[in-house]
Amino acid sequence: MGRGDLTSAEWVRLQPHLPSPGQRGGRWNDHRTVINGILFRVRTGIPWRDLPERFGSWKTVYERHRRWSADGTWDRILTAVQADADLAG
C-alpha cells in the first residue's frame, strides 16, 4: 500500500457501495487498485498516461473514472458514505 492509498478501514466503509464487478462480460480489475489509481492521479495532477504501473493499465483507471462520473456512480457512493457517517454520528 502506497502513501495516500485507501486504508483498510476506509475500504471497509467504501466497498459495500461500489458496483458489482464484471458486468461487462469480462473480469474487472480490482476496484480498490483502480480507485487508488484515481486518487493518485487527482492528488498529483499527472496525466493519465503517466500513472504508475502498480495501479494497472492507465486506460482501465481512466475509463472506470470516466464511466462512474458519467453514470452517477461517484455521486451515489458519496451520498451513501455520508449517510453511513451520519448514522455513526
N, C-alpha and C. Protein backbone atom coordinates (compact mmCIF):
# COMPACT_ATOMS: atom_id res chain seq x y z
N MET A 1 0.85 -1.18 0.00
CA MET A 1 0.00 0.00 0.00
C MET A 1 0.89 1.23 0.00
N GLY A 2 0.61 2.14 -0.91
CA GLY A 2 1.38 3.36 -1.01
C GLY A 2 0.80 4.48 -0.15
N ARG A 3 1.61 5.49 0.06
CA ARG A 3 1.14 6.65 0.81
C ARG A 3 -0.03 7.28 0.06
N GLY A 4 -1.12 7.54 0.75
CA GLY A 4 -2.29 8.14 0.12
C GLY A 4 -3.30 7.13 -0.39
N ASP A 5 -2.94 5.82 -0.38
CA ASP A 5 -3.90 4.79 -0.79
C ASP A 5 -4.96 4.62 0.29
N LEU A 6 -6.08 4.03 -0.10
CA LEU A 6 -7.15 3.77 0.86
C LEU A 6 -6.66 2.85 1.97
N THR A 7 -6.96 3.21 3.21
CA THR A 7 -6.63 2.33 4.33
C THR A 7 -7.65 1.20 4.38
N SER A 8 -7.39 0.19 5.16
CA SER A 8 -8.33 -0.92 5.29
C SER A 8 -9.66 -0.44 5.87
N ALA A 9 -9.61 0.47 6.83
CA ALA A 9 -10.85 1.00 7.43
C ALA A 9 -11.66 1.79 6.40
N GLU A 10 -10.99 2.60 5.58
CA GLU A 10 -11.68 3.35 4.53
C GLU A 10 -12.29 2.41 3.50
N TRP A 11 -11.55 1.37 3.16
CA TRP A 11 -12.03 0.41 2.17
C TRP A 11 -13.27 -0.32 2.68
N VAL A 12 -13.28 -0.69 3.95
CA VAL A 12 -14.44 -1.39 4.53
C VAL A 12 -15.68 -0.51 4.44
N ARG A 13 -15.54 0.79 4.63
CA ARG A 13 -16.68 1.70 4.53
C ARG A 13 -17.12 1.94 3.10
N LEU A 14 -16.19 1.91 2.18
CA LEU A 14 -16.49 2.22 0.78
C LEU A 14 -16.99 1.01 -0.01
N GLN A 15 -16.44 -0.14 0.24
CA GLN A 15 -16.68 -1.33 -0.58
C GLN A 15 -18.15 -1.70 -0.77
N PRO A 16 -19.01 -1.66 0.25
CA PRO A 16 -20.40 -2.06 0.03
C PRO A 16 -21.17 -1.19 -0.96
N HIS A 17 -20.66 -0.01 -1.24
CA HIS A 17 -21.38 0.94 -2.10
C HIS A 17 -20.89 0.91 -3.56
N LEU A 18 -19.93 0.07 -3.86
CA LEU A 18 -19.37 0.01 -5.21
C LEU A 18 -20.19 -0.92 -6.09
N PRO A 19 -20.20 -0.66 -7.39
CA PRO A 19 -20.92 -1.55 -8.31
C PRO A 19 -20.30 -2.95 -8.30
N SER A 20 -21.12 -3.95 -8.59
CA SER A 20 -20.58 -5.31 -8.68
C SER A 20 -19.62 -5.41 -9.85
N PRO A 21 -18.51 -6.11 -9.65
CA PRO A 21 -17.55 -6.24 -10.76
C PRO A 21 -18.03 -7.21 -11.82
N GLY A 22 -17.53 -7.04 -13.02
CA GLY A 22 -17.75 -8.00 -14.09
C GLY A 22 -19.05 -7.87 -14.86
N GLN A 23 -19.68 -6.72 -14.86
CA GLN A 23 -20.95 -6.55 -15.53
C GLN A 23 -20.80 -6.46 -17.05
N ARG A 24 -19.62 -6.24 -17.56
CA ARG A 24 -19.43 -6.03 -18.99
C ARG A 24 -18.87 -7.26 -19.69
N GLY A 25 -19.07 -8.43 -19.13
CA GLY A 25 -18.64 -9.65 -19.81
C GLY A 25 -17.27 -10.14 -19.40
N GLY A 26 -16.37 -9.25 -19.08
CA GLY A 26 -15.03 -9.65 -18.66
C GLY A 26 -14.85 -9.46 -17.18
N ARG A 27 -13.70 -9.88 -16.69
CA ARG A 27 -13.41 -9.71 -15.27
C ARG A 27 -12.80 -8.34 -15.07
N TRP A 28 -13.36 -7.55 -14.17
CA TRP A 28 -12.86 -6.20 -13.90
C TRP A 28 -11.61 -6.26 -13.05
N ASN A 29 -10.74 -5.27 -13.23
CA ASN A 29 -9.62 -5.11 -12.31
C ASN A 29 -10.20 -4.76 -10.94
N ASP A 30 -9.45 -5.08 -9.93
CA ASP A 30 -9.86 -4.82 -8.56
C ASP A 30 -10.25 -3.35 -8.36
N HIS A 31 -11.44 -3.13 -7.80
CA HIS A 31 -11.91 -1.76 -7.57
C HIS A 31 -10.94 -0.96 -6.70
N ARG A 32 -10.40 -1.60 -5.67
CA ARG A 32 -9.53 -0.88 -4.74
C ARG A 32 -8.29 -0.35 -5.47
N THR A 33 -7.67 -1.17 -6.29
CA THR A 33 -6.49 -0.75 -7.04
C THR A 33 -6.82 0.40 -7.99
N VAL A 34 -7.95 0.30 -8.67
CA VAL A 34 -8.35 1.34 -9.62
C VAL A 34 -8.66 2.64 -8.88
N ILE A 35 -9.39 2.55 -7.77
CA ILE A 35 -9.71 3.76 -7.00
C ILE A 35 -8.44 4.40 -6.47
N ASN A 36 -7.50 3.59 -6.00
CA ASN A 36 -6.22 4.15 -5.54
C ASN A 36 -5.51 4.86 -6.69
N GLY A 37 -5.60 4.33 -7.91
CA GLY A 37 -5.02 4.99 -9.08
C GLY A 37 -5.69 6.32 -9.37
N ILE A 38 -7.01 6.35 -9.25
CA ILE A 38 -7.76 7.60 -9.47
C ILE A 38 -7.35 8.63 -8.42
N LEU A 39 -7.29 8.20 -7.16
CA LEU A 39 -6.90 9.12 -6.08
C LEU A 39 -5.47 9.64 -6.28
N PHE A 40 -4.57 8.77 -6.74
CA PHE A 40 -3.20 9.18 -7.00
C PHE A 40 -3.15 10.26 -8.08
N ARG A 41 -3.90 10.03 -9.13
CA ARG A 41 -3.92 10.98 -10.24
C ARG A 41 -4.51 12.33 -9.81
N VAL A 42 -5.59 12.28 -9.03
CA VAL A 42 -6.22 13.52 -8.54
C VAL A 42 -5.27 14.26 -7.60
N ARG A 43 -4.60 13.50 -6.74
CA ARG A 43 -3.69 14.09 -5.76
C ARG A 43 -2.47 14.72 -6.41
N THR A 44 -1.92 14.07 -7.45
CA THR A 44 -0.67 14.54 -8.04
C THR A 44 -0.86 15.43 -9.26
N GLY A 45 -1.98 15.26 -9.97
CA GLY A 45 -2.24 16.05 -11.16
C GLY A 45 -1.49 15.57 -12.39
N ILE A 46 -0.94 14.38 -12.35
CA ILE A 46 -0.20 13.85 -13.51
C ILE A 46 -1.17 13.50 -14.63
N PRO A 47 -0.67 13.42 -15.86
CA PRO A 47 -1.51 12.92 -16.95
C PRO A 47 -1.86 11.45 -16.71
N TRP A 48 -3.02 11.03 -17.21
CA TRP A 48 -3.45 9.64 -17.03
C TRP A 48 -2.38 8.66 -17.51
N ARG A 49 -1.75 8.96 -18.64
CA ARG A 49 -0.75 8.05 -19.23
C ARG A 49 0.48 7.87 -18.35
N ASP A 50 0.71 8.77 -17.41
CA ASP A 50 1.88 8.67 -16.53
C ASP A 50 1.57 7.97 -15.22
N LEU A 51 0.40 7.40 -15.10
CA LEU A 51 0.02 6.69 -13.87
C LEU A 51 0.97 5.51 -13.65
N PRO A 52 1.51 5.35 -12.43
CA PRO A 52 2.41 4.23 -12.16
C PRO A 52 1.75 2.87 -12.45
N GLU A 53 2.56 1.92 -12.89
CA GLU A 53 2.06 0.60 -13.27
C GLU A 53 1.39 -0.15 -12.12
N ARG A 54 1.70 0.19 -10.87
CA ARG A 54 1.10 -0.55 -9.74
C ARG A 54 -0.42 -0.40 -9.69
N PHE A 55 -0.96 0.58 -10.42
CA PHE A 55 -2.41 0.77 -10.47
C PHE A 55 -3.04 0.05 -11.66
N GLY A 56 -2.25 -0.65 -12.43
CA GLY A 56 -2.75 -1.34 -13.61
C GLY A 56 -2.68 -0.41 -14.81
N SER A 57 -3.40 -0.79 -15.85
CA SER A 57 -3.41 -0.01 -17.08
C SER A 57 -4.02 1.37 -16.83
N TRP A 58 -3.35 2.39 -17.32
CA TRP A 58 -3.89 3.74 -17.14
C TRP A 58 -5.24 3.87 -17.83
N LYS A 59 -5.42 3.15 -18.94
CA LYS A 59 -6.69 3.21 -19.66
C LYS A 59 -7.84 2.65 -18.82
N THR A 60 -7.58 1.58 -18.09
CA THR A 60 -8.59 0.99 -17.22
C THR A 60 -8.99 1.97 -16.13
N VAL A 61 -8.00 2.58 -15.51
CA VAL A 61 -8.26 3.54 -14.43
C VAL A 61 -9.05 4.73 -14.98
N TYR A 62 -8.60 5.26 -16.11
CA TYR A 62 -9.28 6.40 -16.73
C TYR A 62 -10.72 6.05 -17.11
N GLU A 63 -10.91 4.90 -17.76
CA GLU A 63 -12.24 4.52 -18.22
C GLU A 63 -13.21 4.31 -17.06
N ARG A 64 -12.75 3.69 -15.99
CA ARG A 64 -13.64 3.48 -14.85
C ARG A 64 -14.01 4.82 -14.23
N HIS A 65 -13.04 5.72 -14.11
CA HIS A 65 -13.34 7.06 -13.56
C HIS A 65 -14.33 7.79 -14.45
N ARG A 66 -14.10 7.74 -15.76
CA ARG A 66 -14.99 8.42 -16.71
C ARG A 66 -16.38 7.82 -16.67
N ARG A 67 -16.47 6.50 -16.67
CA ARG A 67 -17.77 5.82 -16.67
C ARG A 67 -18.54 6.13 -15.38
N TRP A 68 -17.86 6.04 -14.25
CA TRP A 68 -18.53 6.30 -12.98
C TRP A 68 -18.91 7.77 -12.82
N SER A 69 -18.17 8.67 -13.43
CA SER A 69 -18.54 10.09 -13.40
C SER A 69 -19.79 10.32 -14.25
N ALA A 70 -19.84 9.70 -15.41
CA ALA A 70 -20.95 9.90 -16.34
C ALA A 70 -22.25 9.27 -15.86
N ASP A 71 -22.17 8.09 -15.23
CA ASP A 71 -23.41 7.40 -14.86
C ASP A 71 -23.88 7.70 -13.43
N GLY A 72 -23.17 8.59 -12.72
CA GLY A 72 -23.61 8.99 -11.39
C GLY A 72 -23.15 8.09 -10.26
N THR A 73 -22.27 7.13 -10.56
CA THR A 73 -21.80 6.22 -9.52
C THR A 73 -21.07 6.97 -8.41
N TRP A 74 -20.20 7.91 -8.76
CA TRP A 74 -19.48 8.66 -7.73
C TRP A 74 -20.45 9.42 -6.83
N ASP A 75 -21.49 10.00 -7.41
CA ASP A 75 -22.48 10.74 -6.60
C ASP A 75 -23.21 9.80 -5.64
N ARG A 76 -23.58 8.61 -6.12
CA ARG A 76 -24.26 7.63 -5.27
C ARG A 76 -23.35 7.15 -4.14
N ILE A 77 -22.08 6.93 -4.46
CA ILE A 77 -21.13 6.49 -3.43
C ILE A 77 -20.98 7.56 -2.36
N LEU A 78 -20.83 8.82 -2.79
CA LEU A 78 -20.69 9.92 -1.83
C LEU A 78 -21.91 10.03 -0.93
N THR A 79 -23.09 9.96 -1.50
CA THR A 79 -24.33 10.05 -0.73
C THR A 79 -24.42 8.91 0.28
N ALA A 80 -24.09 7.70 -0.14
CA ALA A 80 -24.17 6.53 0.73
C ALA A 80 -23.15 6.62 1.87
N VAL A 81 -21.93 7.01 1.57
CA VAL A 81 -20.90 7.12 2.60
C VAL A 81 -21.25 8.23 3.59
N GLN A 82 -21.79 9.33 3.11
CA GLN A 82 -22.22 10.41 4.01
C GLN A 82 -23.37 9.94 4.90
N ALA A 83 -24.29 9.19 4.36
CA ALA A 83 -25.40 8.67 5.16
C ALA A 83 -24.88 7.71 6.23
N ASP A 84 -23.93 6.87 5.88
CA ASP A 84 -23.33 5.97 6.86
C ASP A 84 -22.65 6.75 7.98
N ALA A 85 -21.94 7.81 7.60
CA ALA A 85 -21.24 8.64 8.60
C ALA A 85 -22.24 9.34 9.51
N ASP A 86 -23.36 9.80 8.94
CA ASP A 86 -24.39 10.44 9.75
C ASP A 86 -25.00 9.47 10.76
N LEU A 87 -25.21 8.24 10.35
CA LEU A 87 -25.75 7.22 11.25
C LEU A 87 -24.77 6.89 12.39
N ALA A 88 -23.48 6.93 12.06
CA ALA A 88 -22.46 6.63 13.07
C ALA A 88 -22.22 7.81 14.00
N GLY A 89 -22.72 8.98 13.63
CA GLY A 89 -22.57 10.17 14.47
C GLY A 89 -21.32 10.90 14.12
